[in-house]
Each structure stands twice: as structure tokens, then as C-alpha cells.
N, C-alpha and C. Protein backbone atom coordinates (compact mmCIF):
# COMPACT_ATOMS: atom_id res chain seq x y z
N MET A 1 0.89 -1.19 0.04
CA MET A 1 0.00 0.03 -0.03
C MET A 1 0.90 1.20 -0.01
N ILE A 2 0.56 2.20 -0.89
CA ILE A 2 1.28 3.48 -0.88
C ILE A 2 0.71 4.33 0.25
N GLN A 3 1.59 4.80 1.09
CA GLN A 3 1.08 5.65 2.24
C GLN A 3 1.19 7.15 1.86
N GLY A 4 0.13 7.85 2.27
CA GLY A 4 0.29 9.31 2.16
C GLY A 4 1.14 9.79 3.23
N LYS A 5 1.47 11.04 3.14
CA LYS A 5 2.36 11.70 4.04
C LYS A 5 1.85 11.67 5.46
N GLU A 6 0.49 11.83 5.59
CA GLU A 6 -0.10 11.94 6.96
C GLU A 6 -0.75 10.63 7.32
N ASP A 7 -0.72 9.64 6.58
CA ASP A 7 -1.28 8.22 6.74
C ASP A 7 -0.49 7.54 7.87
N LYS A 8 -1.15 6.83 8.71
CA LYS A 8 -0.52 5.90 9.63
C LYS A 8 -0.41 4.49 9.01
N ILE A 9 0.65 3.76 9.27
CA ILE A 9 0.83 2.50 8.83
C ILE A 9 0.17 1.49 9.91
N SER A 10 -0.82 0.83 9.54
CA SER A 10 -1.43 -0.10 10.55
C SER A 10 -0.58 -1.45 10.54
N LEU A 11 -0.29 -1.91 11.84
CA LEU A 11 0.65 -2.94 12.05
C LEU A 11 0.10 -4.03 12.92
N LEU A 12 0.43 -5.31 12.62
CA LEU A 12 0.09 -6.48 13.42
C LEU A 12 1.38 -7.10 13.82
N LEU A 13 1.57 -7.23 15.20
CA LEU A 13 2.85 -7.88 15.69
C LEU A 13 2.60 -9.29 16.02
N VAL A 14 3.51 -10.18 15.44
CA VAL A 14 3.29 -11.62 15.68
C VAL A 14 4.60 -12.15 16.26
N ASP A 15 4.62 -12.53 17.57
CA ASP A 15 5.84 -13.06 18.20
C ASP A 15 5.36 -13.79 19.40
N ASP A 16 5.99 -15.01 19.71
CA ASP A 16 5.63 -15.70 20.88
C ASP A 16 6.27 -15.47 22.08
N HIS A 17 7.16 -14.40 22.11
CA HIS A 17 7.98 -14.12 23.34
C HIS A 17 7.32 -12.73 23.89
N PRO A 18 6.73 -12.82 25.06
CA PRO A 18 6.06 -11.60 25.59
C PRO A 18 7.08 -10.47 25.83
N MET A 19 8.39 -10.75 26.13
CA MET A 19 9.35 -9.65 26.25
C MET A 19 9.62 -8.91 24.91
N VAL A 20 9.60 -9.72 23.84
CA VAL A 20 9.75 -9.10 22.53
C VAL A 20 8.58 -8.26 22.08
N GLN A 21 7.37 -8.89 22.33
CA GLN A 21 6.11 -8.06 22.12
C GLN A 21 6.16 -6.78 22.84
N GLY A 22 6.47 -6.81 24.14
CA GLY A 22 6.47 -5.65 24.96
C GLY A 22 7.54 -4.58 24.47
N GLY A 23 8.68 -5.07 24.04
CA GLY A 23 9.78 -4.15 23.54
C GLY A 23 9.28 -3.51 22.31
N LEU A 24 8.66 -4.26 21.40
CA LEU A 24 8.20 -3.73 20.13
C LEU A 24 7.13 -2.69 20.34
N LEU A 25 6.14 -3.04 21.20
CA LEU A 25 5.01 -2.10 21.56
C LEU A 25 5.62 -0.83 22.13
N ALA A 26 6.59 -0.87 23.02
CA ALA A 26 7.24 0.32 23.53
C ALA A 26 7.89 1.13 22.45
N CYS A 27 8.62 0.40 21.45
CA CYS A 27 9.37 1.01 20.50
C CYS A 27 8.44 1.76 19.57
N PHE A 28 7.34 1.14 19.11
CA PHE A 28 6.45 1.76 18.18
C PHE A 28 5.63 2.89 18.77
N SER A 29 5.55 2.89 20.03
CA SER A 29 4.66 3.91 20.67
C SER A 29 5.42 5.41 20.39
N TYR A 30 6.64 5.42 20.13
CA TYR A 30 7.33 6.66 19.80
C TYR A 30 7.13 7.19 18.40
N TYR A 31 6.57 6.37 17.58
CA TYR A 31 6.34 6.83 16.14
C TYR A 31 4.90 7.15 15.86
N ASP A 32 4.63 8.38 15.44
CA ASP A 32 3.26 8.87 15.23
C ASP A 32 2.68 8.20 13.97
N ASP A 33 3.51 7.71 13.02
CA ASP A 33 2.93 7.17 11.90
C ASP A 33 2.82 5.68 11.84
N ILE A 34 2.94 5.00 13.05
CA ILE A 34 2.71 3.65 13.18
C ILE A 34 1.51 3.40 14.20
N GLU A 35 0.60 2.58 13.75
CA GLU A 35 -0.49 2.20 14.69
C GLU A 35 -0.53 0.70 14.79
N VAL A 36 -0.35 0.27 16.00
CA VAL A 36 -0.32 -1.16 16.20
C VAL A 36 -1.80 -1.60 16.46
N LEU A 37 -2.30 -2.46 15.59
CA LEU A 37 -3.75 -2.90 15.72
C LEU A 37 -3.91 -3.99 16.62
N GLY A 38 -2.89 -4.84 16.83
CA GLY A 38 -3.01 -5.96 17.73
C GLY A 38 -1.71 -6.77 17.73
N VAL A 39 -1.64 -7.75 18.57
CA VAL A 39 -0.52 -8.65 18.73
C VAL A 39 -1.08 -10.09 18.74
N SER A 40 -0.22 -11.05 18.41
CA SER A 40 -0.54 -12.43 18.45
C SER A 40 0.79 -13.17 18.72
N ASN A 41 0.68 -14.44 19.27
CA ASN A 41 1.81 -15.25 19.66
C ASN A 41 1.88 -16.53 18.90
N ASP A 42 1.04 -16.70 17.92
CA ASP A 42 1.18 -17.94 17.08
C ASP A 42 0.56 -17.65 15.69
N GLY A 43 0.99 -18.58 14.75
CA GLY A 43 0.55 -18.38 13.37
C GLY A 43 -0.97 -18.45 13.08
N GLU A 44 -1.65 -19.37 13.74
CA GLU A 44 -3.01 -19.49 13.52
C GLU A 44 -3.81 -18.27 14.00
N THR A 45 -3.47 -17.78 15.20
CA THR A 45 -4.13 -16.55 15.74
C THR A 45 -3.83 -15.34 14.90
N ALA A 46 -2.57 -15.32 14.39
CA ALA A 46 -2.13 -14.24 13.43
C ALA A 46 -2.95 -14.23 12.25
N LEU A 47 -3.19 -15.42 11.61
CA LEU A 47 -3.98 -15.48 10.49
C LEU A 47 -5.50 -14.99 10.68
N ALA A 48 -6.02 -15.33 11.82
CA ALA A 48 -7.32 -14.86 12.06
C ALA A 48 -7.49 -13.35 12.29
N LYS A 49 -6.43 -12.81 13.00
CA LYS A 49 -6.45 -11.47 13.30
C LYS A 49 -6.13 -10.66 12.06
N ALA A 50 -5.30 -11.17 11.16
CA ALA A 50 -4.90 -10.50 9.88
C ALA A 50 -6.23 -10.41 9.01
N ILE A 51 -6.97 -11.46 9.00
CA ILE A 51 -8.28 -11.44 8.19
C ILE A 51 -9.23 -10.39 8.75
N GLU A 52 -9.22 -10.36 10.14
CA GLU A 52 -10.25 -9.47 10.80
C GLU A 52 -9.78 -7.99 10.62
N LEU A 53 -8.43 -7.75 10.92
CA LEU A 53 -8.02 -6.34 10.94
C LEU A 53 -7.39 -5.74 9.61
N LYS A 54 -6.97 -6.63 8.72
CA LYS A 54 -6.40 -6.19 7.51
C LYS A 54 -5.38 -5.11 7.66
N PRO A 55 -4.30 -5.36 8.39
CA PRO A 55 -3.28 -4.42 8.55
C PRO A 55 -2.54 -4.16 7.30
N ASP A 56 -1.80 -3.02 7.27
CA ASP A 56 -0.87 -2.78 6.19
C ASP A 56 0.24 -3.65 6.22
N VAL A 57 0.87 -3.87 7.32
CA VAL A 57 2.08 -4.67 7.43
C VAL A 57 1.97 -5.63 8.64
N ILE A 58 2.46 -6.80 8.48
CA ILE A 58 2.58 -7.67 9.66
C ILE A 58 4.01 -8.01 9.92
N LEU A 59 4.51 -7.76 11.21
CA LEU A 59 5.85 -8.09 11.52
C LEU A 59 5.80 -9.49 12.12
N MET A 60 6.33 -10.47 11.41
CA MET A 60 6.17 -11.88 11.68
C MET A 60 7.34 -12.63 12.13
N ASP A 61 7.23 -13.21 13.27
CA ASP A 61 8.27 -14.15 13.82
C ASP A 61 8.21 -15.46 12.99
N VAL A 62 9.22 -16.29 13.03
CA VAL A 62 9.28 -17.50 12.25
C VAL A 62 8.88 -18.74 13.17
N SER A 63 9.67 -18.88 14.17
CA SER A 63 9.46 -20.09 15.13
C SER A 63 8.42 -19.84 16.12
N MET A 64 7.20 -20.38 15.94
CA MET A 64 6.16 -20.25 16.78
C MET A 64 5.41 -21.49 16.93
N PRO A 65 4.62 -21.62 18.01
CA PRO A 65 3.72 -22.83 18.13
C PRO A 65 2.45 -22.77 17.26
N SER A 66 1.84 -23.84 17.13
CA SER A 66 0.59 -23.98 16.35
C SER A 66 0.87 -23.91 14.80
N MET A 67 1.37 -22.77 14.30
CA MET A 67 1.66 -22.62 12.94
C MET A 67 2.82 -21.71 12.83
N ASN A 68 3.87 -22.09 12.07
CA ASN A 68 5.09 -21.22 12.03
C ASN A 68 4.84 -20.04 11.09
N GLY A 69 5.64 -19.07 11.20
CA GLY A 69 5.55 -17.80 10.56
C GLY A 69 5.58 -17.93 9.01
N ILE A 70 6.37 -18.88 8.52
CA ILE A 70 6.51 -19.03 7.04
C ILE A 70 5.19 -19.50 6.47
N ASP A 71 4.64 -20.51 7.12
CA ASP A 71 3.31 -21.04 6.59
C ASP A 71 2.23 -19.98 6.77
N ALA A 72 2.29 -19.27 7.87
CA ALA A 72 1.22 -18.16 8.08
C ALA A 72 1.41 -17.12 7.00
N THR A 73 2.59 -16.82 6.68
CA THR A 73 2.87 -15.78 5.69
C THR A 73 2.29 -16.20 4.40
N GLU A 74 2.45 -17.42 3.95
CA GLU A 74 2.00 -17.90 2.65
C GLU A 74 0.50 -17.79 2.62
N ILE A 75 -0.18 -18.14 3.66
CA ILE A 75 -1.58 -18.07 3.59
C ILE A 75 -2.18 -16.63 3.63
N ILE A 76 -1.43 -15.84 4.41
CA ILE A 76 -1.88 -14.40 4.51
C ILE A 76 -1.64 -13.63 3.19
N THR A 77 -0.47 -13.93 2.53
CA THR A 77 -0.26 -13.29 1.22
C THR A 77 -1.16 -13.75 0.15
N GLU A 78 -1.70 -15.04 0.29
CA GLU A 78 -2.67 -15.49 -0.61
C GLU A 78 -3.99 -14.80 -0.46
N GLN A 79 -4.43 -14.67 0.85
CA GLN A 79 -5.81 -14.25 1.08
C GLN A 79 -5.87 -12.67 1.26
N LEU A 80 -4.71 -12.05 1.59
CA LEU A 80 -4.75 -10.60 1.79
C LEU A 80 -3.62 -9.95 0.98
N PRO A 81 -3.76 -9.89 -0.36
CA PRO A 81 -2.66 -9.43 -1.18
C PRO A 81 -2.27 -8.00 -0.88
N ASP A 82 -3.02 -7.18 -0.16
CA ASP A 82 -2.69 -5.83 0.09
C ASP A 82 -1.88 -5.69 1.43
N THR A 83 -1.82 -6.75 2.20
CA THR A 83 -1.09 -6.81 3.42
C THR A 83 0.37 -7.27 3.17
N LYS A 84 1.31 -6.58 3.60
CA LYS A 84 2.70 -6.90 3.42
C LYS A 84 3.21 -7.59 4.64
N VAL A 85 4.01 -8.68 4.54
CA VAL A 85 4.70 -9.34 5.66
C VAL A 85 6.13 -9.07 5.72
N LEU A 86 6.54 -8.65 6.91
CA LEU A 86 8.02 -8.44 7.16
C LEU A 86 8.45 -9.45 8.19
N ILE A 87 9.32 -10.40 7.82
CA ILE A 87 9.77 -11.42 8.73
C ILE A 87 10.79 -10.76 9.73
N PHE A 88 10.52 -11.16 11.02
CA PHE A 88 11.37 -10.58 12.08
C PHE A 88 11.91 -11.86 12.89
N SER A 89 13.08 -12.22 12.68
CA SER A 89 13.49 -13.54 13.16
C SER A 89 15.01 -13.56 13.53
N MET A 90 15.35 -14.52 14.39
CA MET A 90 16.72 -14.79 14.86
C MET A 90 17.43 -15.61 13.73
N HIS A 91 16.73 -16.27 12.87
CA HIS A 91 17.30 -17.25 11.95
C HIS A 91 17.85 -16.40 10.69
N ASP A 92 19.17 -16.71 10.38
CA ASP A 92 19.73 -16.03 9.25
C ASP A 92 20.21 -16.85 8.11
N SER A 93 19.81 -18.10 8.13
CA SER A 93 20.29 -19.01 7.17
C SER A 93 19.60 -18.83 5.88
N ALA A 94 20.27 -19.18 4.76
CA ALA A 94 19.66 -19.06 3.39
C ALA A 94 18.39 -19.74 3.22
N GLU A 95 18.33 -20.88 3.93
CA GLU A 95 17.04 -21.78 3.80
C GLU A 95 15.84 -21.08 4.36
N PHE A 96 16.00 -20.37 5.48
CA PHE A 96 14.91 -19.62 6.07
C PHE A 96 14.51 -18.36 5.18
N VAL A 97 15.60 -17.66 4.62
CA VAL A 97 15.29 -16.54 3.86
C VAL A 97 14.70 -17.06 2.54
N ARG A 98 15.09 -18.09 1.97
CA ARG A 98 14.48 -18.63 0.78
C ARG A 98 13.04 -19.05 0.95
N SER A 99 12.74 -19.61 2.04
CA SER A 99 11.36 -20.06 2.32
C SER A 99 10.46 -18.81 2.55
N ALA A 100 11.04 -17.80 3.25
CA ALA A 100 10.18 -16.61 3.42
C ALA A 100 9.83 -15.88 2.18
N ILE A 101 10.87 -15.81 1.25
CA ILE A 101 10.65 -15.17 -0.07
C ILE A 101 9.63 -15.96 -0.88
N GLN A 102 9.73 -17.29 -0.83
CA GLN A 102 8.85 -18.07 -1.69
C GLN A 102 7.39 -18.02 -1.06
N ALA A 103 7.31 -17.80 0.27
CA ALA A 103 6.07 -17.59 0.91
C ALA A 103 5.30 -16.28 0.65
N GLY A 104 6.14 -15.32 0.15
CA GLY A 104 5.51 -13.98 -0.22
C GLY A 104 5.95 -12.92 0.64
N ALA A 105 6.93 -13.13 1.66
CA ALA A 105 7.36 -11.97 2.42
C ALA A 105 7.98 -10.92 1.56
N SER A 106 7.83 -9.66 2.09
CA SER A 106 8.37 -8.53 1.45
C SER A 106 9.73 -8.02 1.92
N GLY A 107 10.08 -8.60 3.09
CA GLY A 107 11.36 -8.31 3.69
C GLY A 107 11.73 -9.31 4.78
N TYR A 108 12.92 -9.10 5.26
CA TYR A 108 13.46 -10.12 6.34
C TYR A 108 14.44 -9.34 7.15
N VAL A 109 14.11 -9.04 8.48
CA VAL A 109 14.95 -8.36 9.38
C VAL A 109 15.35 -9.29 10.56
N LEU A 110 16.52 -9.21 10.97
CA LEU A 110 16.92 -10.10 12.18
C LEU A 110 16.67 -9.33 13.47
N LYS A 111 16.48 -10.14 14.54
CA LYS A 111 16.06 -9.66 15.83
C LYS A 111 17.21 -8.74 16.57
N ASP A 112 18.40 -8.88 16.04
CA ASP A 112 19.49 -8.04 16.53
C ASP A 112 19.54 -6.72 15.83
N THR A 113 18.55 -6.49 14.83
CA THR A 113 18.57 -5.18 14.16
C THR A 113 18.10 -4.10 15.04
N SER A 114 18.57 -2.87 14.85
CA SER A 114 18.19 -1.69 15.67
C SER A 114 16.69 -1.47 15.45
N SER A 115 16.07 -0.83 16.52
CA SER A 115 14.69 -0.50 16.41
C SER A 115 14.48 0.53 15.24
N GLU A 116 15.38 1.36 14.96
CA GLU A 116 15.23 2.34 13.96
C GLU A 116 15.18 1.75 12.62
N GLU A 117 16.05 0.64 12.36
CA GLU A 117 15.96 -0.09 11.04
C GLU A 117 14.66 -0.84 10.82
N VAL A 118 14.21 -1.42 12.09
CA VAL A 118 12.97 -2.13 11.88
C VAL A 118 11.81 -1.13 11.52
N TYR A 119 11.89 0.10 12.07
CA TYR A 119 10.87 1.02 11.72
C TYR A 119 10.98 1.44 10.23
N TYR A 120 12.17 1.68 9.72
CA TYR A 120 12.36 1.96 8.36
C TYR A 120 11.99 0.80 7.38
N ALA A 121 12.30 -0.40 7.88
CA ALA A 121 11.85 -1.63 7.09
C ALA A 121 10.30 -1.63 6.92
N ILE A 122 9.64 -1.41 7.99
CA ILE A 122 8.15 -1.43 7.96
C ILE A 122 7.64 -0.40 7.00
N LYS A 123 8.25 0.83 7.04
CA LYS A 123 7.84 1.89 6.11
C LYS A 123 8.10 1.54 4.64
N ALA A 124 9.30 0.81 4.44
CA ALA A 124 9.67 0.43 3.10
C ALA A 124 8.59 -0.58 2.49
N VAL A 125 8.36 -1.64 3.25
CA VAL A 125 7.46 -2.72 2.78
C VAL A 125 6.06 -2.10 2.65
N ALA A 126 5.61 -1.22 3.48
CA ALA A 126 4.27 -0.63 3.35
C ALA A 126 4.09 0.12 2.07
N LYS A 127 5.28 0.64 1.52
CA LYS A 127 5.18 1.43 0.26
C LYS A 127 5.36 0.49 -0.90
N GLY A 128 5.46 -0.86 -0.72
CA GLY A 128 5.57 -1.82 -1.72
C GLY A 128 7.02 -2.17 -2.11
N ASN A 129 7.93 -1.66 -1.30
CA ASN A 129 9.29 -1.99 -1.53
C ASN A 129 9.73 -3.23 -0.70
N THR A 130 11.04 -3.58 -0.73
CA THR A 130 11.52 -4.70 0.05
C THR A 130 12.62 -4.14 1.00
N HIS A 131 12.90 -4.94 2.03
CA HIS A 131 13.93 -4.58 2.97
C HIS A 131 14.45 -5.72 3.58
N PHE A 132 15.83 -5.95 3.57
CA PHE A 132 16.47 -7.10 4.19
C PHE A 132 17.65 -6.49 5.07
N SER A 133 17.83 -7.18 6.24
CA SER A 133 19.01 -6.80 7.02
C SER A 133 20.25 -6.94 6.21
N SER A 134 21.28 -6.25 6.57
CA SER A 134 22.53 -6.16 5.76
C SER A 134 23.12 -7.57 5.58
N SER A 135 23.08 -8.47 6.61
CA SER A 135 23.64 -9.80 6.52
C SER A 135 22.80 -10.67 5.57
N ILE A 136 21.41 -10.41 5.63
CA ILE A 136 20.53 -11.19 4.77
C ILE A 136 20.73 -10.71 3.32
N ALA A 137 20.84 -9.45 3.14
CA ALA A 137 21.10 -8.86 1.79
C ALA A 137 22.34 -9.40 1.20
N LYS A 138 23.34 -9.63 2.04
CA LYS A 138 24.74 -10.22 1.61
C LYS A 138 24.42 -11.58 1.12
N THR A 139 23.57 -12.39 1.90
CA THR A 139 23.26 -13.76 1.45
C THR A 139 22.56 -13.77 0.04
N LEU A 140 21.66 -12.83 -0.14
CA LEU A 140 20.93 -12.75 -1.43
C LEU A 140 21.86 -12.49 -2.49
N ILE A 141 22.82 -11.56 -2.26
CA ILE A 141 23.86 -11.27 -3.33
C ILE A 141 24.83 -12.40 -3.61
N GLU A 142 25.28 -12.96 -2.55
CA GLU A 142 26.34 -14.04 -2.77
C GLU A 142 25.77 -15.35 -3.19
N ASN A 143 24.55 -15.58 -2.90
CA ASN A 143 23.96 -16.93 -3.26
C ASN A 143 22.71 -16.75 -4.15
N PRO A 144 22.77 -16.09 -5.27
CA PRO A 144 21.58 -15.81 -6.06
C PRO A 144 20.92 -17.10 -6.60
N ALA A 145 21.75 -18.06 -6.98
CA ALA A 145 21.14 -19.33 -7.55
C ALA A 145 20.41 -20.15 -6.53
N LYS A 146 20.80 -20.08 -5.22
CA LYS A 146 20.10 -20.77 -4.17
C LYS A 146 18.80 -20.12 -3.90
N LEU A 147 18.59 -18.87 -4.18
CA LEU A 147 17.47 -18.20 -3.79
C LEU A 147 16.43 -17.95 -4.92
N GLU A 148 16.67 -18.56 -6.07
CA GLU A 148 15.66 -18.45 -7.14
C GLU A 148 14.43 -19.36 -6.82
N ASN A 149 13.39 -18.78 -7.13
CA ASN A 149 12.03 -19.43 -6.78
C ASN A 149 11.82 -20.45 -7.92
N ASP A 150 12.52 -21.50 -7.99
CA ASP A 150 12.51 -22.46 -9.12
C ASP A 150 11.88 -23.75 -8.70
N LYS A 151 11.18 -23.81 -7.56
CA LYS A 151 10.59 -24.96 -7.10
C LYS A 151 9.28 -24.62 -6.39
N LEU A 152 8.54 -25.67 -6.01
CA LEU A 152 7.21 -25.42 -5.35
C LEU A 152 7.45 -24.77 -3.99
N THR A 153 6.52 -23.86 -3.63
CA THR A 153 6.52 -23.26 -2.36
C THR A 153 6.13 -24.28 -1.27
N THR A 154 6.35 -23.93 -0.09
CA THR A 154 5.94 -24.88 1.08
C THR A 154 4.46 -25.26 0.99
N ARG A 155 3.67 -24.22 0.73
CA ARG A 155 2.23 -24.54 0.58
C ARG A 155 1.83 -25.41 -0.54
N GLU A 156 2.51 -25.17 -1.73
CA GLU A 156 2.29 -26.07 -2.86
C GLU A 156 2.71 -27.47 -2.61
N GLN A 157 3.76 -27.63 -1.87
CA GLN A 157 4.30 -29.04 -1.53
C GLN A 157 3.30 -29.71 -0.65
N VAL A 158 2.72 -29.03 0.30
CA VAL A 158 1.71 -29.58 1.21
C VAL A 158 0.51 -30.00 0.38
N ILE A 159 -0.01 -29.08 -0.59
CA ILE A 159 -1.07 -29.39 -1.36
C ILE A 159 -0.86 -30.65 -2.26
N LEU A 160 0.34 -30.64 -2.89
CA LEU A 160 0.66 -31.74 -3.80
C LEU A 160 0.69 -33.07 -3.05
N SER A 161 1.26 -32.97 -1.79
CA SER A 161 1.32 -34.23 -1.01
C SER A 161 -0.08 -34.83 -0.72
N LEU A 162 -1.09 -33.83 -0.49
CA LEU A 162 -2.46 -34.26 -0.21
C LEU A 162 -3.19 -34.76 -1.48
N VAL A 163 -2.83 -34.10 -2.56
CA VAL A 163 -3.39 -34.54 -3.90
C VAL A 163 -2.88 -35.95 -4.16
N ALA A 164 -1.58 -36.22 -3.86
CA ALA A 164 -0.99 -37.45 -4.22
C ALA A 164 -1.55 -38.59 -3.27
N GLN A 165 -2.05 -38.16 -2.17
CA GLN A 165 -2.71 -39.11 -1.23
C GLN A 165 -4.24 -39.41 -1.59
N GLY A 166 -4.65 -38.74 -2.65
CA GLY A 166 -5.99 -38.98 -3.11
C GLY A 166 -7.12 -38.06 -2.64
N LEU A 167 -6.71 -36.97 -1.97
CA LEU A 167 -7.76 -36.01 -1.53
C LEU A 167 -8.28 -35.21 -2.66
N SER A 168 -9.50 -34.95 -2.66
CA SER A 168 -10.08 -33.97 -3.69
C SER A 168 -9.84 -32.58 -3.29
N SER A 169 -10.05 -31.65 -4.14
CA SER A 169 -9.84 -30.15 -3.78
C SER A 169 -10.78 -29.71 -2.69
N LYS A 170 -11.94 -30.21 -2.59
CA LYS A 170 -12.85 -29.95 -1.54
C LYS A 170 -12.29 -30.42 -0.18
N GLU A 171 -11.75 -31.62 -0.20
CA GLU A 171 -11.19 -32.28 1.03
C GLU A 171 -9.94 -31.50 1.54
N ILE A 172 -9.12 -31.10 0.49
CA ILE A 172 -7.92 -30.34 0.80
C ILE A 172 -8.26 -28.95 1.42
N ALA A 173 -9.28 -28.35 0.85
CA ALA A 173 -9.68 -27.03 1.35
C ALA A 173 -10.16 -27.10 2.74
N ARG A 174 -10.93 -28.20 3.05
CA ARG A 174 -11.43 -28.43 4.40
C ARG A 174 -10.20 -28.70 5.44
N GLU A 175 -9.29 -29.43 4.84
CA GLU A 175 -8.16 -29.87 5.70
C GLU A 175 -7.24 -28.71 6.03
N LEU A 176 -7.09 -27.77 5.13
CA LEU A 176 -6.13 -26.61 5.24
C LEU A 176 -6.92 -25.35 5.69
N ASN A 177 -8.18 -25.46 5.73
CA ASN A 177 -9.00 -24.34 6.13
C ASN A 177 -8.83 -23.11 5.12
N ILE A 178 -8.85 -23.46 3.86
CA ILE A 178 -8.73 -22.44 2.79
C ILE A 178 -9.83 -22.67 1.77
N SER A 179 -10.02 -21.77 0.90
CA SER A 179 -11.20 -21.84 -0.04
C SER A 179 -10.89 -22.93 -1.16
N PHE A 180 -11.97 -23.50 -1.66
CA PHE A 180 -11.86 -24.45 -2.85
C PHE A 180 -11.07 -23.74 -4.11
N ARG A 181 -11.47 -22.49 -4.29
CA ARG A 181 -10.77 -21.77 -5.34
C ARG A 181 -9.28 -21.58 -5.07
N THR A 182 -8.91 -21.40 -3.94
CA THR A 182 -7.46 -21.22 -3.60
C THR A 182 -6.77 -22.62 -3.84
N VAL A 183 -7.42 -23.74 -3.45
CA VAL A 183 -6.77 -24.99 -3.72
C VAL A 183 -6.64 -25.29 -5.22
N ASP A 184 -7.74 -24.98 -5.93
CA ASP A 184 -7.63 -25.19 -7.50
C ASP A 184 -6.58 -24.31 -8.10
N ALA A 185 -6.43 -23.06 -7.60
CA ALA A 185 -5.36 -22.16 -8.15
C ALA A 185 -3.95 -22.79 -7.93
N HIS A 186 -3.76 -23.33 -6.68
CA HIS A 186 -2.58 -23.95 -6.29
C HIS A 186 -2.24 -25.17 -7.31
N ARG A 187 -3.25 -25.97 -7.49
CA ARG A 187 -3.17 -27.14 -8.31
C ARG A 187 -2.74 -26.74 -9.72
N ARG A 188 -3.34 -25.69 -10.26
CA ARG A 188 -2.96 -25.23 -11.59
C ARG A 188 -1.52 -24.71 -11.57
N ASN A 189 -1.14 -23.92 -10.54
CA ASN A 189 0.31 -23.51 -10.47
C ASN A 189 1.24 -24.63 -10.36
N ILE A 190 0.92 -25.66 -9.57
CA ILE A 190 1.72 -26.87 -9.51
C ILE A 190 1.98 -27.53 -10.80
N LYS A 191 0.86 -27.71 -11.53
CA LYS A 191 0.95 -28.36 -12.81
C LYS A 191 1.74 -27.53 -13.81
N SER A 192 1.61 -26.23 -13.74
CA SER A 192 2.35 -25.38 -14.57
C SER A 192 3.87 -25.33 -14.32
N LYS A 193 4.24 -25.18 -13.06
CA LYS A 193 5.61 -25.15 -12.54
C LYS A 193 6.31 -26.46 -12.92
N LEU A 194 5.66 -27.50 -12.75
CA LEU A 194 6.23 -28.80 -12.99
C LEU A 194 6.07 -29.37 -14.37
N ASN A 195 5.22 -28.68 -15.09
CA ASN A 195 4.88 -29.16 -16.56
C ASN A 195 4.44 -30.55 -16.50
N ILE A 196 3.40 -30.81 -15.55
CA ILE A 196 2.91 -32.10 -15.34
C ILE A 196 1.40 -31.96 -15.39
N ASP A 197 0.66 -32.70 -16.13
CA ASP A 197 -0.82 -32.60 -16.15
C ASP A 197 -1.48 -33.94 -15.67
N CYS A 198 -0.73 -34.99 -15.59
CA CYS A 198 -1.35 -36.27 -15.29
C CYS A 198 -1.22 -36.54 -13.80
N LEU A 199 -2.30 -37.05 -13.17
CA LEU A 199 -2.24 -37.33 -11.75
C LEU A 199 -1.19 -38.35 -11.41
N VAL A 200 -1.03 -39.39 -12.20
CA VAL A 200 -0.06 -40.35 -11.96
C VAL A 200 1.32 -39.84 -11.86
N ASP A 201 1.64 -38.89 -12.81
CA ASP A 201 2.98 -38.27 -12.83
C ASP A 201 3.13 -37.35 -11.64
N LEU A 202 2.00 -36.74 -11.15
CA LEU A 202 2.10 -35.81 -10.00
C LEU A 202 2.51 -36.73 -8.79
N VAL A 203 1.86 -37.87 -8.67
CA VAL A 203 2.06 -38.82 -7.57
C VAL A 203 3.55 -39.28 -7.64
N ARG A 204 4.05 -39.57 -8.80
CA ARG A 204 5.44 -40.01 -8.90
C ARG A 204 6.42 -38.92 -8.61
N TYR A 205 6.07 -37.72 -8.94
CA TYR A 205 6.95 -36.56 -8.52
C TYR A 205 6.89 -36.41 -6.99
N ALA A 206 5.77 -36.56 -6.32
CA ALA A 206 5.69 -36.40 -4.94
C ALA A 206 6.44 -37.48 -4.15
N ILE A 207 6.43 -38.73 -4.71
CA ILE A 207 7.19 -39.87 -4.11
C ILE A 207 8.68 -39.50 -4.30
N ASN A 208 9.11 -39.22 -5.51
CA ASN A 208 10.52 -38.94 -5.78
C ASN A 208 11.16 -37.86 -4.96
N HIS A 209 10.30 -36.89 -4.54
CA HIS A 209 10.79 -35.70 -3.91
C HIS A 209 10.46 -35.83 -2.38
N GLY A 210 10.03 -36.98 -1.90
CA GLY A 210 9.88 -37.26 -0.47
C GLY A 210 8.68 -36.61 0.15
N LEU A 211 7.72 -36.14 -0.68
CA LEU A 211 6.51 -35.56 -0.18
C LEU A 211 5.55 -36.56 0.43
N ILE A 212 5.48 -37.82 -0.13
CA ILE A 212 4.72 -38.90 0.45
C ILE A 212 5.64 -40.11 0.38
N GLU A 213 5.32 -41.15 1.13
CA GLU A 213 5.94 -42.44 1.10
C GLU A 213 5.37 -43.33 0.05
N GLU A 214 6.33 -44.07 -0.56
CA GLU A 214 5.80 -44.95 -1.61
C GLU A 214 5.11 -46.17 -1.05
């Protein structure tokens, strides 16, 4: 969302550590252009609050109970395309960054980042830009091949595994608590990415890549 000069950026904080939540709330209270709509300590609650509150930006932890931040990010960016997700995590490995990007995150900042940088990162993603902590940006620059989105996202892998187990789109929608149309869109994307149209070949792919057991 493009913010006007006088507009406030609405924010949802998602972190399972009360001290981190308290520190972030104290930090953002100093900024007149940030409005914290709510807090959450797990991915499932974050998803429900995001749908209810429709914040401009979600500051999202990764390691949480119930549903991790990467999976929550993927569902939120599917259902709320105008909401931007900024990952806020202690994990700095290429694997976590790659998964976050594939899930639709607009940026990735580490928990040892200064409060000022977190503030500017929120403003950047709210305007439709990206922001990565300097060490994360270095990973992106030095390992471009590893970070290409050339495979299925985590969500698509989950859906493919359920397809391969014989579940219908309606059953998958019910299992994952998403819409039938979202499941069908994922199935089309999976077939397009893998250039596979036959169910038997999809099952074979799922087995070969460890998504289901033979």
C-alpha cells in the first residue's frame, strides 16, 4: 500500500515471546505514523487477526507454536494481497530466507537489528518495496542461484502431497481451512511449474521428492 504523508501504517505484531512483544510495543509507541492494531503469539491466531484487521504490514516471527511464521505468511499473502509481511527472526540461514521469499514475504530483518532499522523496514514494505537486514542482503547477493524461486513453495508442496494421497480439492480445502478456489489455483500453479498434467505423474513426483511415502 502506498502511504500518504499523513497516513498511519497499521501494524500487526506476531511473536511468541512476551518480552519481545513488549519491547516492540514500547518502540512503536514513539512513532506517530505507526498504529499497532494488535498482537499475536502464534501463526493460527495471526491469520485470524490478519483477516479481521487487514493491517498494512505484519511483523512476523518464524518459530512459533501452532503454525510457524513461514506457513502463516504464505496463507496471509494468498488471502490478503494488500497486506505486506516483514519477517522478524533470529534465523539468518539461506534456507529460512529462501522459504520466506517463496512464501511471499516483502522483507526479512533479524532480531538483533536496531529498532530504527525495523521502523524504516516497515515503512519500506508498506510502500511496496523490500527490505533485508545487511547480512541477509549479503546472502541474497552471494547466493543468487540458491534463492531463485525455481521449485514449489511450502504450501504447494503440502497441497501436492495431499493430492498425491488422493484427496479432492474440497477435502484439501477443508483440511487446510482455505477456499476451494485457492486449492484449485494452487493445483494449476503446481501443474504449470512442474509441466505435469497427469495425476499419476504428480504422484510419482511427490514420491521422488519425499512428499509422500511410496
